[in-house]
């Protein structure tokens, strides 16, 4: 098993290629098709649930209620909130673009 990666060790030519592919998507249909081919249904469910957690956290919903609504463990909700509050700013940037940032805590 591979040791945990530090903050920047996950970057590679392959991650660059993946992000370039994502940036080339032109609409929701492209995104749906690409991510459905790229990911298992379980992976899509997990990403969808994590994004739901982010949106619920920005509304100030308590962890227990988020767990009840999404099925995501409170430990994962805590990790997502840590990234939301102290991560690279990716969540905040997208929330702002979607007009949801004013709700963010």
C-alpha atoms as a PDB file:
ATOM      1  CA  UNK A   1       0.000   0.000   0.000  1.00  0.00           C
ATOM      2  CA  UNK A   2       1.235   3.466  -0.885  1.00  0.00           C
ATOM      3  CA  UNK A   3       2.059   5.885   1.921  1.00  0.00           C
ATOM      4  CA  UNK A   4      -0.080   9.003   2.310  1.00  0.00           C
ATOM      5  CA  UNK A   5       0.797  11.776  -0.090  1.00  0.00           C
ATOM      6  CA  UNK A   6       1.664  15.267   1.026  1.00  0.00           C
ATOM      7  CA  UNK A   7      -0.273  18.255  -0.240  1.00  0.00           C
ATOM      8  CA  UNK A   8       1.557  18.568  -3.560  1.00  0.00           C
ATOM      9  CA  UNK A   9       2.577  14.945  -4.244  1.00  0.00           C
ATOM     10  CA  UNK A  10      -0.761  14.097  -5.869  1.00  0.00           C
ATOM     11  CA  UNK A  11       0.069  16.337  -8.822  1.00  0.00           C
ATOM     12  CA  UNK A  12       1.470  14.618 -11.898  1.00  0.00           C
ATOM     13  CA  UNK A  13       1.354  14.673 -15.692  1.00  0.00           C
ATOM     14  CA  UNK A  14      -1.635  12.345 -15.429  1.00  0.00           C
ATOM     15  CA  UNK A  15      -3.549  14.650 -13.067  1.00  0.00           C
ATOM     16  CA  UNK A  16      -2.743  17.543 -15.402  1.00  0.00           C
ATOM     17  CA  UNK A  17      -4.138  15.512 -18.309  1.00  0.00           C
ATOM     18  CA  UNK A  18      -7.292  14.710 -16.324  1.00  0.00           C
ATOM     19  CA  UNK A  19      -7.888  18.356 -15.429  1.00  0.00           C
ATOM     20  CA  UNK A  20      -7.264  19.389 -19.040  1.00  0.00           C
ATOM     21  CA  UNK A  21      -9.893  16.859 -20.112  1.00  0.00           C
ATOM     22  CA  UNK A  22     -12.345  18.230 -17.539  1.00  0.00           C
ATOM     23  CA  UNK A  23     -11.684  21.776 -18.697  1.00  0.00           C
ATOM     24  CA  UNK A  24     -12.531  20.742 -22.262  1.00  0.00           C
ATOM     25  CA  UNK A  25     -16.091  19.751 -21.293  1.00  0.00           C
ATOM     26  CA  UNK A  26     -18.517  22.166 -22.904  1.00  0.00           C
ATOM     27  CA  UNK A  27     -21.849  21.408 -21.248  1.00  0.00           C
ATOM     28  CA  UNK A  28     -23.667  19.223 -18.727  1.00  0.00           C
ATOM     29  CA  UNK A  29     -24.204  16.450 -21.285  1.00  0.00           C
ATOM     30  CA  UNK A  30     -20.427  16.291 -21.908  1.00  0.00           C
ATOM     31  CA  UNK A  31     -19.818  16.238 -18.151  1.00  0.00           C
ATOM     32  CA  UNK A  32     -22.406  13.527 -17.509  1.00  0.00           C
ATOM     33  CA  UNK A  33     -21.028  11.308 -20.248  1.00  0.00           C
ATOM     34  CA  UNK A  34     -17.383  11.841 -19.300  1.00  0.00           C
ATOM     35  CA  UNK A  35     -17.822  11.295 -15.567  1.00  0.00           C
ATOM     36  CA  UNK A  36     -20.104   8.299 -16.074  1.00  0.00           C
ATOM     37  CA  UNK A  37     -17.449   6.664 -18.274  1.00  0.00           C
ATOM     38  CA  UNK A  38     -14.631   7.703 -15.928  1.00  0.00           C
ATOM     39  CA  UNK A  39     -16.183   6.764 -12.581  1.00  0.00           C
ATOM     40  CA  UNK A  40     -18.002   3.826 -11.072  1.00  0.00           C
ATOM     41  CA  UNK A  41     -21.526   4.496  -9.883  1.00  0.00           C
ATOM     42  CA  UNK A  42     -20.230   4.325  -6.300  1.00  0.00           C
ATOM     43  CA  UNK A  43     -17.561   6.948  -7.023  1.00  0.00           C
ATOM     44  CA  UNK A  44     -20.187   9.241  -8.560  1.00  0.00           C
ATOM     45  CA  UNK A  45     -22.463   8.707  -5.556  1.00  0.00           C
ATOM     46  CA  UNK A  46     -19.616   9.574  -3.172  1.00  0.00           C
ATOM     47  CA  UNK A  47     -18.655  12.748  -5.059  1.00  0.00           C
ATOM     48  CA  UNK A  48     -22.316  13.772  -5.289  1.00  0.00           C
ATOM     49  CA  UNK A  49     -22.800  13.216  -1.554  1.00  0.00           C
ATOM     50  CA  UNK A  50     -19.648  15.200  -0.718  1.00  0.00           C
ATOM     51  CA  UNK A  51     -20.819  18.132  -2.823  1.00  0.00           C
ATOM     52  CA  UNK A  52     -24.218  17.950  -1.101  1.00  0.00           C
ATOM     53  CA  UNK A  53     -22.401  18.081   2.253  1.00  0.00           C
ATOM     54  CA  UNK A  54     -20.516  21.212   1.177  1.00  0.00           C
ATOM     55  CA  UNK A  55     -23.742  22.932   0.171  1.00  0.00           C
ATOM     56  CA  UNK A  56     -25.464  21.939   3.425  1.00  0.00           C
ATOM     57  CA  UNK A  57     -22.497  23.091   5.516  1.00  0.00           C
ATOM     58  CA  UNK A  58     -22.655  26.514   3.854  1.00  0.00           C
ATOM     59  CA  UNK A  59     -26.259  26.767   5.031  1.00  0.00           C
ATOM     60  CA  UNK A  60     -25.192  26.079   8.624  1.00  0.00           C
ATOM     61  CA  UNK A  61     -26.958  22.728   8.820  1.00  0.00           C
ATOM     62  CA  UNK A  62     -25.784  20.665  11.839  1.00  0.00           C
ATOM     63  CA  UNK A  63     -23.583  17.611  11.173  1.00  0.00           C
ATOM     64  CA  UNK A  64     -26.180  15.140  12.499  1.00  0.00           C
ATOM     65  CA  UNK A  65     -28.856  16.517  10.149  1.00  0.00           C
ATOM     66  CA  UNK A  66     -26.404  16.424   7.217  1.00  0.00           C
ATOM     67  CA  UNK A  67     -25.658  12.796   8.075  1.00  0.00           C
ATOM     68  CA  UNK A  68     -29.375  12.000   8.235  1.00  0.00           C
ATOM     69  CA  UNK A  69     -30.017  13.680   4.866  1.00  0.00           C
ATOM     70  CA  UNK A  70     -26.984  12.363   2.985  1.00  0.00           C
ATOM     71  CA  UNK A  71     -25.864   9.202   4.776  1.00  0.00           C
ATOM     72  CA  UNK A  72     -22.324  10.630   4.922  1.00  0.00           C
ATOM     73  CA  UNK A  73     -20.553   9.827   8.199  1.00  0.00           C
ATOM     74  CA  UNK A  74     -19.969  12.645  10.652  1.00  0.00           C
ATOM     75  CA  UNK A  75     -16.220  11.923  10.407  1.00  0.00           C
ATOM     76  CA  UNK A  76     -16.335  12.585   6.652  1.00  0.00           C
ATOM     77  CA  UNK A  77     -18.496  15.659   7.189  1.00  0.00           C
ATOM     78  CA  UNK A  78     -15.851  16.937   9.626  1.00  0.00           C
ATOM     79  CA  UNK A  79     -13.092  16.365   7.030  1.00  0.00           C
ATOM     80  CA  UNK A  80     -15.129  18.114   4.326  1.00  0.00           C
ATOM     81  CA  UNK A  81     -15.724  21.058   6.656  1.00  0.00           C
ATOM     82  CA  UNK A  82     -11.985  21.266   7.393  1.00  0.00           C
ATOM     83  CA  UNK A  83     -11.283  21.511   3.641  1.00  0.00           C
ATOM     84  CA  UNK A  84     -14.125  24.015   3.244  1.00  0.00           C
ATOM     85  CA  UNK A  85     -12.694  26.210   6.020  1.00  0.00           C
ATOM     86  CA  UNK A  86      -8.941  25.645   5.610  1.00  0.00           C
ATOM     87  CA  UNK A  87      -8.367  23.941   2.254  1.00  0.00           C
ATOM     88  CA  UNK A  88      -7.106  25.310  -1.028  1.00  0.00           C
ATOM     89  CA  UNK A  89     -10.194  27.456  -1.632  1.00  0.00           C
ATOM     90  CA  UNK A  90     -11.616  25.231  -4.347  1.00  0.00           C
ATOM     91  CA  UNK A  91     -14.959  24.749  -2.638  1.00  0.00           C
ATOM     92  CA  UNK A  92     -15.292  28.475  -1.927  1.00  0.00           C
ATOM     93  CA  UNK A  93     -14.405  29.429  -5.480  1.00  0.00           C
ATOM     94  CA  UNK A  94     -17.076  27.174  -6.971  1.00  0.00           C
ATOM     95  CA  UNK A  95     -19.674  28.186  -4.364  1.00  0.00           C
ATOM     96  CA  UNK A  96     -19.028  31.796  -5.331  1.00  0.00           C
ATOM     97  CA  UNK A  97     -19.366  31.043  -9.054  1.00  0.00           C
ATOM     98  CA  UNK A  98     -22.662  29.281  -8.408  1.00  0.00           C
ATOM     99  CA  UNK A  99     -23.956  32.177  -6.330  1.00  0.00           C
ATOM    100  CA  UNK A 100     -23.908  30.187  -3.092  1.00  0.00           C
ATOM    101  CA  UNK A 101     -20.944  31.915  -1.410  1.00  0.00           C
ATOM    102  CA  UNK A 102     -23.052  34.446   0.447  1.00  0.00           C
ATOM    103  CA  UNK A 103     -24.435  31.531   2.466  1.00  0.00           C
ATOM    104  CA  UNK A 104     -20.947  30.184   3.280  1.00  0.00           C
ATOM    105  CA  UNK A 105     -19.791  30.537   6.841  1.00  0.00           C
END
